[in-house]
Amino acid sequence: MKEANNVQLIAKLQPDFLGFIFWEKSPRFCVEVPKNIPKNIQKVGVFVNASFDFILEKIKTFDLQAVQLHGQEAPKICAKLKLLTTVIKVFSIKDRFDFSELSPYEAACDYYLFDTKGKLPGGNGEEFDWEVLRSYPSQKPFFLSGGIGLESVEKIHEICQTNLPVYALDVNSKFEIDSGIKNEEKLKKFKESIAL
């Protein structure tokens, strides 16, 4: 999210989280987070290989309740941030994934997020093969991301019936009118479709 009026529209749908990207190379780069977001919606700052001090400044300035780390952030940075806020560490998947990469992060973050490996650190609009997640070895809850759209509803219901600890769905580009501007009607339809 990046435009105040659009943020207010989407906030009326009562998502659990709203994401704000603080990576300058992104077309969704957010300069300022609107102040009047309802308290029950968590504001998530999205970062890519940012310094601890930069992330800390954004947490304080915009009262972020969580950070989503899309780069090669070391476990010790994640652990340090975890003392201050909720940490969501992102891992990108294409056709396969070495889940041993998660081991150093088990104690260092609150959630994982699995996204599609693409040209950009996120927001590529492509879905990875969710079958890869059947080998997920951890009990840590995770966010599912990567090209999720209205056409994904059936698959979402299927994966939510497995024993996998799917905690949340992270949607983005498939619901955009323009970079960072979300389609309220599509999101409303999506929310209604995935209600279990």
C-alpha atoms as a PDB file:
ATOM      1  CA  MET A   1       0.000   0.000   0.000  1.00  0.00           C
ATOM      2  CA  LYS A   2       1.230   3.519  -0.621  1.00  0.00           C
ATOM      3  CA  GLU A   3      -1.590   5.983  -1.301  1.00  0.00           C
ATOM      4  CA  ALA A   4      -3.594   7.314   1.665  1.00  0.00           C
ATOM      5  CA  ASN A   5      -7.097   7.222   0.142  1.00  0.00           C
ATOM      6  CA  ASN A   6      -6.578   3.702  -1.185  1.00  0.00           C
ATOM      7  CA  VAL A   7      -5.264   2.598   2.226  1.00  0.00           C
ATOM      8  CA  GLN A   8      -8.469   3.862   3.851  1.00  0.00           C
ATOM      9  CA  LEU A   9     -10.639   1.988   1.336  1.00  0.00           C
ATOM     10  CA  ILE A  10      -8.798  -1.279   1.877  1.00  0.00           C
ATOM     11  CA  ALA A  11      -8.700  -0.817   5.654  1.00  0.00           C
ATOM     12  CA  LYS A  12     -12.534  -0.915   5.617  1.00  0.00           C
ATOM     13  CA  LEU A  13     -12.253  -4.555   4.493  1.00  0.00           C
ATOM     14  CA  GLN A  14     -10.553  -5.277   7.826  1.00  0.00           C
ATOM     15  CA  PRO A  15      -7.440  -7.168   6.702  1.00  0.00           C
ATOM     16  CA  ASP A  16      -5.258  -8.425   9.531  1.00  0.00           C
ATOM     17  CA  PHE A  17      -2.201  -6.705   8.029  1.00  0.00           C
ATOM     18  CA  LEU A  18      -1.381  -3.853   5.666  1.00  0.00           C
ATOM     19  CA  GLY A  19       2.083  -3.821   4.100  1.00  0.00           C
ATOM     20  CA  PHE A  20       4.213  -0.765   3.353  1.00  0.00           C
ATOM     21  CA  ILE A  21       7.352  -1.167   1.267  1.00  0.00           C
ATOM     22  CA  PHE A  22      10.481   0.714   2.332  1.00  0.00           C
ATOM     23  CA  TRP A  23      12.733  -0.374  -0.526  1.00  0.00           C
ATOM     24  CA  GLU A  24      13.433   2.558  -2.841  1.00  0.00           C
ATOM     25  CA  LYS A  25      13.818   0.434  -5.977  1.00  0.00           C
ATOM     26  CA  SER A  26      10.233  -0.802  -5.689  1.00  0.00           C
ATOM     27  CA  PRO A  27       7.447   0.854  -7.715  1.00  0.00           C
ATOM     28  CA  ARG A  28       5.404   0.418  -4.509  1.00  0.00           C
ATOM     29  CA  PHE A  29       7.907   2.406  -2.415  1.00  0.00           C
ATOM     30  CA  CYS A  30       6.070   4.085   0.454  1.00  0.00           C
ATOM     31  CA  VAL A  31       7.091   7.549   1.621  1.00  0.00           C
ATOM     32  CA  GLU A  32       4.581   7.865   4.451  1.00  0.00           C
ATOM     33  CA  VAL A  33       2.163   5.581   6.281  1.00  0.00           C
ATOM     34  CA  PRO A  34      -1.301   7.086   6.945  1.00  0.00           C
ATOM     35  CA  LYS A  35      -1.842   7.750  10.654  1.00  0.00           C
ATOM     36  CA  ASN A  36      -5.522   6.829  10.985  1.00  0.00           C
ATOM     37  CA  ILE A  37      -5.346   3.092  10.275  1.00  0.00           C
ATOM     38  CA  PRO A  38      -7.571   1.136  12.706  1.00  0.00           C
ATOM     39  CA  LYS A  39      -5.631  -0.288  15.662  1.00  0.00           C
ATOM     40  CA  ASN A  40      -6.760  -3.852  14.943  1.00  0.00           C
ATOM     41  CA  ILE A  41      -4.902  -3.819  11.597  1.00  0.00           C
ATOM     42  CA  GLN A  42      -1.177  -4.464  11.938  1.00  0.00           C
ATOM     43  CA  LYS A  43       1.121  -2.219   9.917  1.00  0.00           C
ATOM     44  CA  VAL A  44       3.954  -4.218   8.354  1.00  0.00           C
ATOM     45  CA  GLY A  45       7.124  -2.597   7.034  1.00  0.00           C
ATOM     46  CA  VAL A  46       8.686  -4.472   4.118  1.00  0.00           C
ATOM     47  CA  PHE A  47      12.482  -4.218   3.798  1.00  0.00           C
ATOM     48  CA  VAL A  48      15.216  -5.592   1.529  1.00  0.00           C
ATOM     49  CA  ASN A  49      18.705  -5.821   3.044  1.00  0.00           C
ATOM     50  CA  ALA A  50      18.152  -2.600   4.996  1.00  0.00           C
ATOM     51  CA  SER A  51      20.367  -1.706   7.963  1.00  0.00           C
ATOM     52  CA  PHE A  52      19.136  -2.329  11.493  1.00  0.00           C
ATOM     53  CA  ASP A  53      19.123   1.436  12.164  1.00  0.00           C
ATOM     54  CA  PHE A  54      17.043   2.164   9.033  1.00  0.00           C
ATOM     55  CA  ILE A  55      14.470  -0.478  10.003  1.00  0.00           C
ATOM     56  CA  LEU A  56      14.388   0.756  13.600  1.00  0.00           C
ATOM     57  CA  GLU A  57      13.780   4.328  12.442  1.00  0.00           C
ATOM     58  CA  LYS A  58      10.814   3.224  10.300  1.00  0.00           C
ATOM     59  CA  ILE A  59       9.381   1.128  13.152  1.00  0.00           C
ATOM     60  CA  LYS A  60       9.442   4.180  15.427  1.00  0.00           C
ATOM     61  CA  THR A  61       8.349   6.786  12.866  1.00  0.00           C
ATOM     62  CA  PHE A  62       5.401   4.812  11.496  1.00  0.00           C
ATOM     63  CA  ASP A  63       4.528   2.700  14.559  1.00  0.00           C
ATOM     64  CA  LEU A  64       5.020  -0.558  12.666  1.00  0.00           C
ATOM     65  CA  GLN A  65       3.809  -3.706  14.406  1.00  0.00           C
ATOM     66  CA  ALA A  66       5.818  -6.080  12.210  1.00  0.00           C
ATOM     67  CA  VAL A  67       8.662  -6.204   9.699  1.00  0.00           C
ATOM     68  CA  GLN A  68       8.837  -8.419   6.613  1.00  0.00           C
ATOM     69  CA  LEU A  69      12.431  -9.070   5.539  1.00  0.00           C
ATOM     70  CA  HIS A  70      12.835  -9.863   1.847  1.00  0.00           C
ATOM     71  CA  GLY A  71      16.622  -9.829   1.510  1.00  0.00           C
ATOM     72  CA  GLN A  72      19.527 -11.911   2.796  1.00  0.00           C
ATOM     73  CA  GLU A  73      19.149 -10.662   6.353  1.00  0.00           C
ATOM     74  CA  ALA A  74      21.306 -12.620   8.800  1.00  0.00           C
ATOM     75  CA  PRO A  75      19.666 -14.532  11.666  1.00  0.00           C
ATOM     76  CA  LYS A  76      21.344 -12.223  14.207  1.00  0.00           C
ATOM     77  CA  ILE A  77      19.651  -9.153  12.639  1.00  0.00           C
ATOM     78  CA  CYS A  78      16.308 -10.976  12.726  1.00  0.00           C
ATOM     79  CA  ALA A  79      16.832 -11.941  16.359  1.00  0.00           C
ATOM     80  CA  LYS A  80      17.736  -8.378  17.308  1.00  0.00           C
ATOM     81  CA  LEU A  81      14.597  -7.058  15.596  1.00  0.00           C
ATOM     82  CA  LYS A  82      12.480  -9.787  17.201  1.00  0.00           C
ATOM     83  CA  LEU A  83      13.165  -8.179  20.583  1.00  0.00           C
ATOM     84  CA  LEU A  84      11.352  -5.073  19.300  1.00  0.00           C
ATOM     85  CA  THR A  85       8.623  -6.266  16.942  1.00  0.00           C
ATOM     86  CA  THR A  86       7.171  -9.226  15.050  1.00  0.00           C
ATOM     87  CA  VAL A  87       9.589 -10.561  12.422  1.00  0.00           C
ATOM     88  CA  ILE A  88       8.446 -12.237   9.199  1.00  0.00           C
ATOM     89  CA  LYS A  89      11.416 -13.681   7.272  1.00  0.00           C
ATOM     90  CA  VAL A  90      10.866 -14.266   3.571  1.00  0.00           C
ATOM     91  CA  PHE A  91      12.232 -17.167   1.538  1.00  0.00           C
ATOM     92  CA  SER A  92      11.805 -17.408  -2.233  1.00  0.00           C
ATOM     93  CA  ILE A  93      10.857 -20.655  -3.959  1.00  0.00           C
ATOM     94  CA  LYS A  94      10.748 -21.649  -7.611  1.00  0.00           C
ATOM     95  CA  ASP A  95      10.488 -25.369  -8.348  1.00  0.00           C
ATOM     96  CA  ARG A  96      12.279 -26.664  -5.254  1.00  0.00           C
ATOM     97  CA  PHE A  97      13.624 -25.406  -1.945  1.00  0.00           C
ATOM     98  CA  ASP A  98      16.261 -26.561   0.523  1.00  0.00           C
ATOM     99  CA  PHE A  99      14.397 -26.337   3.826  1.00  0.00           C
ATOM    100  CA  SER A 100      17.657 -26.667   5.766  1.00  0.00           C
ATOM    101  CA  GLU A 101      18.056 -22.936   5.014  1.00  0.00           C
ATOM    102  CA  LEU A 102      15.408 -22.307   7.651  1.00  0.00           C
ATOM    103  CA  SER A 103      17.321 -23.850  10.558  1.00  0.00           C
ATOM    104  CA  PRO A 104      19.381 -20.762  11.531  1.00  0.00           C
ATOM    105  CA  TYR A 105      16.171 -18.683  11.592  1.00  0.00           C
ATOM    106  CA  GLU A 106      14.002 -20.957  13.737  1.00  0.00           C
ATOM    107  CA  ALA A 107      14.575 -18.955  16.927  1.00  0.00           C
ATOM    108  CA  ALA A 108      15.275 -15.659  15.170  1.00  0.00           C
ATOM    109  CA  CYS A 109      11.870 -14.870  13.660  1.00  0.00           C
ATOM    110  CA  ASP A 110       8.174 -15.220  14.436  1.00  0.00           C
ATOM    111  CA  TYR A 111       6.955 -16.330  11.021  1.00  0.00           C
ATOM    112  CA  TYR A 112       8.290 -17.380   7.647  1.00  0.00           C
ATOM    113  CA  LEU A 113       6.841 -16.155   4.377  1.00  0.00           C
ATOM    114  CA  PHE A 114       7.184 -18.239   1.221  1.00  0.00           C
ATOM    115  CA  ASP A 115       7.139 -16.243  -2.007  1.00  0.00           C
ATOM    116  CA  THR A 116       7.972 -16.926  -5.640  1.00  0.00           C
ATOM    117  CA  LYS A 117      11.556 -16.470  -6.756  1.00  0.00           C
ATOM    118  CA  GLY A 118      11.493 -13.836  -9.521  1.00  0.00           C
ATOM    119  CA  LYS A 119      13.274 -10.794 -10.924  1.00  0.00           C
ATOM    120  CA  LEU A 120      12.247  -8.659  -7.942  1.00  0.00           C
ATOM    121  CA  PRO A 121      12.366  -9.565  -4.225  1.00  0.00           C
ATOM    122  CA  GLY A 122       8.546  -9.691  -4.304  1.00  0.00           C
ATOM    123  CA  GLY A 123       5.473  -8.572  -6.209  1.00  0.00           C
ATOM    124  CA  ASN A 124       6.263 -10.575  -9.334  1.00  0.00           C
ATOM    125  CA  GLY A 125       2.704 -11.861  -9.727  1.00  0.00           C
ATOM    126  CA  GLU A 126       3.789 -15.476 -10.193  1.00  0.00           C
ATOM    127  CA  GLU A 127       2.813 -18.509  -8.163  1.00  0.00           C
ATOM    128  CA  PHE A 128       5.320 -21.164  -7.115  1.00  0.00           C
ATOM    129  CA  ASP A 129       4.498 -24.858  -6.861  1.00  0.00           C
ATOM    130  CA  TRP A 130       2.851 -25.229  -3.441  1.00  0.00           C
ATOM    131  CA  GLU A 131       3.539 -28.974  -3.558  1.00  0.00           C
ATOM    132  CA  VAL A 132       7.092 -28.073  -2.470  1.00  0.00           C
ATOM    133  CA  LEU A 133       5.647 -27.108   0.929  1.00  0.00           C
ATOM    134  CA  ARG A 134       4.597 -30.698   1.629  1.00  0.00           C
ATOM    135  CA  SER A 135       8.222 -31.218   2.745  1.00  0.00           C
ATOM    136  CA  TYR A 136       8.058 -28.312   5.208  1.00  0.00           C
ATOM    137  CA  PRO A 137       9.840 -29.613   8.329  1.00  0.00           C
ATOM    138  CA  SER A 138       8.967 -26.892  10.844  1.00  0.00           C
ATOM    139  CA  GLN A 139       6.007 -26.116  13.097  1.00  0.00           C
ATOM    140  CA  LYS A 140       6.581 -22.384  12.703  1.00  0.00           C
ATOM    141  CA  PRO A 141       3.508 -20.763  11.121  1.00  0.00           C
ATOM    142  CA  PHE A 142       4.057 -19.166   7.725  1.00  0.00           C
ATOM    143  CA  PHE A 143       2.552 -16.645   5.340  1.00  0.00           C
ATOM    144  CA  LEU A 144       1.792 -17.940   1.850  1.00  0.00           C
ATOM    145  CA  SER A 145       2.537 -15.484  -0.945  1.00  0.00           C
ATOM    146  CA  GLY A 146       3.412 -15.305  -4.626  1.00  0.00           C
ATOM    147  CA  GLY A 147       0.897 -14.527  -7.358  1.00  0.00           C
ATOM    148  CA  ILE A 148      -2.172 -15.286  -5.249  1.00  0.00           C
ATOM    149  CA  GLY A 149      -5.365 -14.101  -6.951  1.00  0.00           C
ATOM    150  CA  LEU A 150      -9.053 -14.900  -7.285  1.00  0.00           C
ATOM    151  CA  GLU A 151      -8.124 -17.943  -9.351  1.00  0.00           C
ATOM    152  CA  SER A 152      -6.196 -19.344  -6.344  1.00  0.00           C
ATOM    153  CA  VAL A 153      -9.218 -19.801  -4.072  1.00  0.00           C
ATOM    154  CA  GLU A 154      -9.687 -23.542  -4.643  1.00  0.00           C
ATOM    155  CA  LYS A 155      -5.986 -24.229  -4.047  1.00  0.00           C
ATOM    156  CA  ILE A 156      -6.094 -22.106  -0.891  1.00  0.00           C
ATOM    157  CA  HIS A 157      -8.946 -24.192   0.503  1.00  0.00           C
ATOM    158  CA  GLU A 158      -6.995 -27.353  -0.332  1.00  0.00           C
ATOM    159  CA  ILE A 159      -3.748 -26.276   1.357  1.00  0.00           C
ATOM    160  CA  CYS A 160      -5.649 -25.059   4.417  1.00  0.00           C
ATOM    161  CA  GLN A 161      -7.034 -28.587   4.855  1.00  0.00           C
ATOM    162  CA  THR A 162      -3.536 -30.043   5.186  1.00  0.00           C
ATOM    163  CA  ASN A 163      -1.479 -30.164   8.394  1.00  0.00           C
ATOM    164  CA  LEU A 164       0.703 -27.302   7.163  1.00  0.00           C
ATOM    165  CA  PRO A 165       0.766 -24.309   9.560  1.00  0.00           C
ATOM    166  CA  VAL A 166      -0.500 -21.745   7.022  1.00  0.00           C
ATOM    167  CA  TYR A 167      -0.975 -18.626   9.129  1.00  0.00           C
ATOM    168  CA  ALA A 168      -1.888 -15.941   6.589  1.00  0.00           C
ATOM    169  CA  LEU A 169      -2.157 -15.122   2.900  1.00  0.00           C
ATOM    170  CA  ASP A 170      -0.054 -12.292   1.525  1.00  0.00           C
ATOM    171  CA  VAL A 171      -1.685 -10.836  -1.588  1.00  0.00           C
ATOM    172  CA  ASN A 172      -0.368  -8.065  -3.767  1.00  0.00           C
ATOM    173  CA  SER A 173       0.031  -7.657  -7.525  1.00  0.00           C
ATOM    174  CA  LYS A 174      -2.994  -9.732  -8.619  1.00  0.00           C
ATOM    175  CA  PHE A 175      -5.206  -7.180  -6.841  1.00  0.00           C
ATOM    176  CA  GLU A 176      -3.564  -4.032  -8.149  1.00  0.00           C
ATOM    177  CA  ILE A 177      -4.979  -1.270 -10.323  1.00  0.00           C
ATOM    178  CA  ASP A 178      -1.490   0.234 -10.416  1.00  0.00           C
ATOM    179  CA  SER A 179       1.693  -0.318  -8.368  1.00  0.00           C
ATOM    180  CA  GLY A 180       0.730  -0.048  -4.718  1.00  0.00           C
ATOM    181  CA  ILE A 181      -2.929   0.789  -5.505  1.00  0.00           C
ATOM    182  CA  LYS A 182      -5.315  -2.058  -4.694  1.00  0.00           C
ATOM    183  CA  ASN A 183      -8.700  -2.932  -6.218  1.00  0.00           C
ATOM    184  CA  GLU A 184     -11.233  -2.807  -3.384  1.00  0.00           C
ATOM    185  CA  GLU A 185     -13.912  -4.878  -5.169  1.00  0.00           C
ATOM    186  CA  LYS A 186     -11.515  -7.688  -6.098  1.00  0.00           C
ATOM    187  CA  LEU A 187     -10.174  -7.854  -2.549  1.00  0.00           C
ATOM    188  CA  LYS A 188     -13.665  -7.891  -1.102  1.00  0.00           C
ATOM    189  CA  LYS A 189     -14.622 -10.770  -3.410  1.00  0.00           C
ATOM    190  CA  PHE A 190     -11.418 -12.611  -2.480  1.00  0.00           C
ATOM    191  CA  LYS A 191     -12.031 -12.198   1.252  1.00  0.00           C
ATOM    192  CA  GLU A 192     -15.567 -13.558   0.862  1.00  0.00           C
ATOM    193  CA  SER A 193     -14.345 -16.479  -1.257  1.00  0.00           C
ATOM    194  CA  ILE A 194     -11.711 -17.680   1.197  1.00  0.00           C
ATOM    195  CA  ALA A 195     -13.872 -17.423   4.309  1.00  0.00           C
ATOM    196  CA  LEU A 196     -13.800 -20.884   5.869  1.00  0.00           C
END
